[in-house]
Amino acid sequence: MALMRLQKYLSAAGFCSRRSGEAHIRRGGVTVNDRTVTALGTKVDPDRDTVAVDGQRVTLQEKSVYILLNKPTGYVTSCRHPGERVVLDLVSVPKRVFPVGRLDKDSRGLLLLTNDGRIHHRLAHPSFDHEKEYEVTVAAPIADGALMKMARGMPLMGTRTRPAAIRRLTARRFRIVLQEGRNRQIRRMVGKLGHKVIDLKRIRLENLRLGRLAEGTWRHLSQAEVTTLLNRTLPAAEPDAPSQKPPTQNRPD
């Protein structure tokens, strides 16, 4: 592999941004082959040199993979679940990927799978306010007042839900945009209003849209989609930097 500037190496390894890498180098926290390096122009050979920050070895990771899956009902959003079909059964790629967040077994629609730990953490964690849009069908006509209660926020599971954007489609169908991901939140909200969800489909996650992707099929994100997603979720990071492997546990949507 060609020689690479040290700060770019740290970024490409997913350890930090280039700017943060420069700060680590300046303060003397970076070693190459056990020797402290403070010169920003230093180049390393990723195949031969050993790089560490504060004693922690930093290695280049495999290229990040981003997959958009149209999940059908009946599949568990997990890497493995004995006795159940899991979403990874629907995807065939040579690299290991992980689902970001969850869709209930009885829910369907857009699911992102990736080996990029930064994206996994940012999109799965409820504190980052990323938008998720769903199309919901209930068993009986739902009143405008009920939709308004969900839009304004309502008591649920000991706290109050955040305001949500809601648009009616028909007497029994509506779209809702959430910026949080409590366990079975939409089903619980609808149930508290005396209704029952009979179909729940996620159609958007941030800039990613399900579009006409057939149910049960998947595709790689385009470079434009990846760049926009990284810019929205990791504003201080470099879009082309792959990252460490994501955790195996996901927070439910």
Protein backbone atom coordinates (compact mmCIF):
# COMPACT_ATOMS: atom_id res chain seq x y z
CA MET A 1 0.00 0.00 0.00
CA ALA A 2 1.20 3.53 -0.76
CA LEU A 3 2.62 5.74 1.98
CA MET A 4 0.02 7.80 3.83
CA ARG A 5 0.24 10.93 5.96
CA LEU A 6 -0.08 10.01 9.61
CA GLN A 7 -3.15 12.16 10.29
CA LYS A 8 -4.88 10.71 7.23
CA TYR A 9 -4.04 7.21 8.47
CA LEU A 10 -5.72 7.92 11.83
CA SER A 11 -8.79 9.22 10.01
CA ALA A 12 -8.93 6.33 7.54
CA ALA A 13 -8.75 3.91 10.47
CA GLY A 14 -11.87 5.53 11.92
CA PHE A 15 -10.01 6.59 15.05
CA CYS A 16 -10.69 10.31 14.67
CA SER A 17 -10.98 13.12 12.13
CA ARG A 18 -7.83 14.46 10.45
CA ARG A 19 -8.00 17.62 12.53
CA SER A 20 -8.15 15.61 15.75
CA GLY A 21 -5.35 13.42 14.44
CA GLU A 22 -3.16 16.48 13.99
CA ALA A 23 -3.88 17.48 17.59
CA HIS A 24 -2.87 14.03 18.83
CA ILE A 25 0.37 14.24 16.85
CA ARG A 26 1.24 17.74 18.09
CA ARG A 27 0.80 16.78 21.74
CA GLY A 28 3.08 13.77 21.34
CA GLY A 29 0.40 11.13 21.79
CA VAL A 30 1.14 9.22 18.58
CA THR A 31 3.87 6.64 18.09
CA VAL A 32 5.07 4.92 14.92
CA ASN A 33 6.96 1.70 15.54
CA ASP A 34 7.15 2.67 19.24
CA ARG A 35 8.74 6.05 18.50
CA THR A 36 6.89 9.27 19.29
CA VAL A 37 6.13 11.37 16.21
CA THR A 38 5.22 15.07 16.36
CA ALA A 39 5.81 16.15 12.74
CA LEU A 40 2.53 16.52 10.82
CA GLY A 41 4.16 15.64 7.50
CA THR A 42 5.20 12.18 8.69
CA LYS A 43 4.19 9.37 6.36
CA VAL A 44 3.58 5.74 7.27
CA ASP A 45 3.32 2.46 5.40
CA PRO A 46 0.02 0.87 6.48
CA ASP A 47 1.34 -2.60 5.60
CA ARG A 48 4.55 -2.35 7.60
CA ASP A 49 4.35 0.35 10.28
CA THR A 50 2.73 0.02 13.71
CA VAL A 51 0.77 3.11 14.75
CA ALA A 52 -0.58 3.76 18.25
CA VAL A 53 -2.30 6.64 20.07
CA ASP A 54 -1.69 6.81 23.81
CA GLY A 55 -0.57 3.21 23.67
CA GLN A 56 -3.66 2.00 21.80
CA ARG A 57 -2.82 0.41 18.46
CA VAL A 58 -4.69 1.87 15.49
CA THR A 59 -5.20 -0.28 12.39
CA LEU A 60 -6.94 0.32 9.08
CA GLN A 61 -10.37 -1.26 8.87
CA GLU A 62 -12.14 -2.81 5.93
CA LYS A 63 -14.04 -0.55 3.58
CA SER A 64 -17.42 0.56 4.89
CA VAL A 65 -20.52 -1.03 3.39
CA TYR A 66 -23.97 0.61 3.39
CA ILE A 67 -27.04 -1.41 2.40
CA LEU A 68 -30.69 -0.39 2.19
CA LEU A 69 -33.08 -3.31 2.72
CA ASN A 70 -36.86 -3.37 2.26
CA LYS A 71 -37.66 -5.62 5.21
CA PRO A 72 -40.78 -7.80 4.94
CA THR A 73 -42.86 -8.76 7.96
CA GLY A 74 -41.92 -12.02 9.67
CA TYR A 75 -38.19 -11.25 9.95
CA VAL A 76 -36.44 -10.33 13.18
CA THR A 77 -34.07 -7.35 13.05
CA SER A 78 -31.05 -9.13 14.44
CA CYS A 79 -27.85 -10.80 13.29
CA ARG A 80 -29.02 -14.10 14.75
CA HIS A 81 -32.08 -15.30 16.62
CA PRO A 82 -32.54 -19.07 17.15
CA GLY A 83 -35.71 -20.37 15.61
CA GLU A 84 -36.48 -17.15 13.71
CA ARG A 85 -35.74 -15.74 10.29
CA VAL A 86 -33.45 -12.70 10.58
CA VAL A 87 -32.89 -9.77 8.23
CA LEU A 88 -29.37 -10.92 7.39
CA ASP A 89 -30.93 -13.98 5.72
CA LEU A 90 -32.13 -11.58 3.00
CA VAL A 91 -28.72 -10.04 2.25
CA SER A 92 -25.73 -11.63 0.55
CA VAL A 93 -22.48 -9.68 0.88
CA PRO A 94 -18.94 -10.92 1.66
CA LYS A 95 -18.50 -8.52 4.59
CA ARG A 96 -20.31 -8.69 7.90
CA VAL A 97 -22.93 -5.97 8.33
CA PHE A 98 -25.20 -5.02 11.20
CA PRO A 99 -28.76 -3.62 11.23
CA VAL A 100 -29.05 -0.03 12.46
CA GLY A 101 -31.86 0.19 15.00
CA ARG A 102 -34.82 -2.13 14.73
CA LEU A 103 -38.08 -2.77 12.99
CA ASP A 104 -40.47 -5.08 14.83
CA LYS A 105 -41.02 -8.55 13.42
CA ASP A 106 -44.52 -7.44 12.37
CA SER A 107 -43.28 -4.18 10.78
CA ARG A 108 -41.76 -3.70 7.36
CA GLY A 109 -39.89 -1.21 5.22
CA LEU A 110 -36.58 0.61 5.19
CA LEU A 111 -33.72 -0.86 7.20
CA LEU A 112 -30.09 0.24 6.98
CA LEU A 113 -27.32 -2.33 7.38
CA THR A 114 -23.67 -1.33 7.66
CA ASN A 115 -20.29 -2.14 9.16
CA ASP A 116 -19.68 1.56 9.90
CA GLY A 117 -19.73 1.87 13.68
CA ARG A 118 -20.02 5.66 13.66
CA ILE A 119 -23.23 5.58 11.65
CA HIS A 120 -24.54 2.68 13.72
CA HIS A 121 -24.02 4.63 16.94
CA ARG A 122 -25.39 7.94 15.68
CA LEU A 123 -28.52 6.58 14.03
CA ALA A 124 -29.37 3.98 16.67
CA HIS A 125 -28.94 6.25 19.68
CA PRO A 126 -32.05 8.29 20.60
CA SER A 127 -30.13 11.44 21.61
CA PHE A 128 -29.16 12.50 18.07
CA ASP A 129 -32.65 13.46 16.81
CA HIS A 130 -32.50 11.78 13.42
CA GLU A 131 -35.75 11.60 11.46
CA LYS A 132 -37.58 8.36 10.71
CA GLU A 133 -40.79 8.42 8.67
CA TYR A 134 -43.47 5.74 8.76
CA GLU A 135 -46.67 4.96 6.91
CA VAL A 136 -49.27 3.62 9.31
CA THR A 137 -52.58 1.83 8.68
CA VAL A 138 -55.04 1.32 11.53
CA ALA A 139 -58.00 -1.03 11.75
CA ALA A 140 -60.71 1.64 11.94
CA PRO A 141 -60.99 5.31 10.89
CA ILE A 142 -58.96 7.52 13.20
CA ALA A 143 -60.14 11.01 14.18
CA ASP A 144 -58.20 14.20 13.57
CA GLY A 145 -58.10 14.76 17.33
CA ALA A 146 -56.26 11.49 17.87
CA LEU A 147 -53.68 12.40 15.24
CA MET A 148 -53.28 15.81 16.87
CA LYS A 149 -52.53 14.20 20.23
CA MET A 150 -49.72 12.16 18.70
CA ALA A 151 -48.41 15.21 16.87
CA ARG A 152 -48.27 17.30 20.04
CA GLY A 153 -46.72 14.55 22.15
CA MET A 154 -48.43 12.32 24.66
CA PRO A 155 -47.67 10.49 27.94
CA LEU A 156 -46.13 7.11 27.20
CA MET A 157 -44.07 4.67 29.26
CA GLY A 158 -43.52 7.10 32.11
CA THR A 159 -42.50 10.13 30.02
CA ARG A 160 -43.91 12.28 27.25
CA THR A 161 -43.22 11.62 23.59
CA ARG A 162 -41.65 14.35 21.51
CA PRO A 163 -43.76 16.30 19.01
CA ALA A 164 -44.12 14.53 15.68
CA ALA A 165 -45.06 15.59 12.16
CA ILE A 166 -48.23 13.81 11.00
CA ARG A 167 -50.04 13.88 7.66
CA ARG A 168 -53.30 12.09 7.02
CA LEU A 169 -53.49 9.97 3.86
CA THR A 170 -56.94 8.36 4.18
CA ALA A 171 -59.44 7.73 6.97
CA ARG A 172 -57.29 4.84 8.22
CA ARG A 173 -53.82 5.73 6.97
CA PHE A 174 -51.35 8.44 7.96
CA ARG A 175 -47.65 9.25 7.87
CA ILE A 176 -45.67 10.15 10.96
CA VAL A 177 -42.13 11.48 11.34
CA LEU A 178 -40.37 10.68 14.63
CA GLN A 179 -37.09 11.88 16.07
CA GLU A 180 -36.98 9.26 18.78
CA GLY A 181 -37.10 5.47 18.87
CA ARG A 182 -38.86 3.98 21.85
CA ASN A 183 -39.73 0.31 21.82
CA ARG A 184 -42.86 -0.22 19.66
CA GLN A 185 -43.58 3.49 20.07
CA ILE A 186 -46.07 3.99 17.24
CA ARG A 187 -48.03 0.87 18.12
CA ARG A 188 -48.16 1.94 21.77
CA MET A 189 -49.24 5.49 20.93
CA VAL A 190 -51.99 4.30 18.60
CA GLY A 191 -53.10 1.69 21.13
CA LYS A 192 -53.38 4.28 23.87
CA LEU A 193 -55.80 6.20 21.64
CA GLY A 194 -58.04 3.17 21.29
CA HIS A 195 -56.88 2.04 17.86
CA LYS A 196 -54.89 -0.89 16.49
CA VAL A 197 -52.07 -0.77 13.94
CA ILE A 198 -52.54 -3.36 11.20
CA ASP A 199 -49.63 -2.25 9.00
CA LEU A 200 -46.50 -0.28 9.84
CA LYS A 201 -44.00 0.58 7.14
CA ARG A 202 -40.87 2.72 7.46
CA ILE A 203 -40.36 4.72 4.28
CA ARG A 204 -37.52 7.08 5.21
CA LEU A 205 -34.48 7.33 7.46
CA GLU A 206 -32.88 10.78 7.30
CA ASN A 207 -32.09 11.28 3.58
CA LEU A 208 -32.60 7.60 2.69
CA ARG A 209 -35.93 6.77 1.03
CA LEU A 210 -37.42 3.36 0.37
CA GLY A 211 -38.75 4.41 -3.02
CA ARG A 212 -39.74 1.54 -5.32
CA LEU A 213 -37.37 -1.04 -3.88
CA ALA A 214 -39.26 -4.34 -3.91
CA GLU A 215 -40.09 -5.93 -0.58
CA GLY A 216 -37.48 -8.46 0.50
CA THR A 217 -34.79 -7.00 -1.77
CA TRP A 218 -31.82 -4.74 -1.06
CA ARG A 219 -29.33 -2.43 -2.73
CA HIS A 220 -26.09 -0.65 -1.94
CA LEU A 221 -26.42 3.05 -1.19
CA SER A 222 -25.20 5.36 -3.92
CA GLN A 223 -22.12 7.45 -3.20
CA ALA A 224 -24.32 10.54 -3.11
CA GLU A 225 -26.57 8.92 -0.49
CA VAL A 226 -23.58 7.90 1.61
CA THR A 227 -22.01 11.35 1.43
CA THR A 228 -25.25 13.07 2.44
CA LEU A 229 -25.88 10.59 5.25
CA LEU A 230 -22.36 11.07 6.64
CA ASN A 231 -22.63 14.84 6.39
CA ARG A 232 -25.95 14.80 8.26
CA THR A 233 -24.92 12.37 10.97
CA LEU A 234 -21.20 13.07 11.32
CA PRO A 235 -20.75 16.77 10.53
CA ALA A 236 -17.22 16.89 11.97
CA ALA A 237 -16.03 13.66 10.38
CA GLU A 238 -14.55 12.98 6.98
CA PRO A 239 -17.08 11.26 4.68
CA ASP A 240 -14.55 8.85 3.18
CA ALA A 241 -13.22 7.54 6.48
CA PRO A 242 -14.26 3.98 7.34
CA SER A 243 -14.75 3.11 10.98
CA GLN A 244 -14.46 0.51 13.66
CA LYS A 245 -16.87 -2.43 13.76
CA PRO A 246 -20.28 -1.49 15.24
CA PRO A 247 -21.67 -3.11 18.37
CA THR A 248 -23.96 -6.10 18.09
CA GLN A 249 -26.76 -4.59 20.19
CA ASN A 250 -29.29 -2.23 18.67
CA ARG A 251 -31.80 0.11 20.26
CA PRO A 252 -35.34 -0.66 19.03
CA ASP A 253 -37.16 1.80 16.82
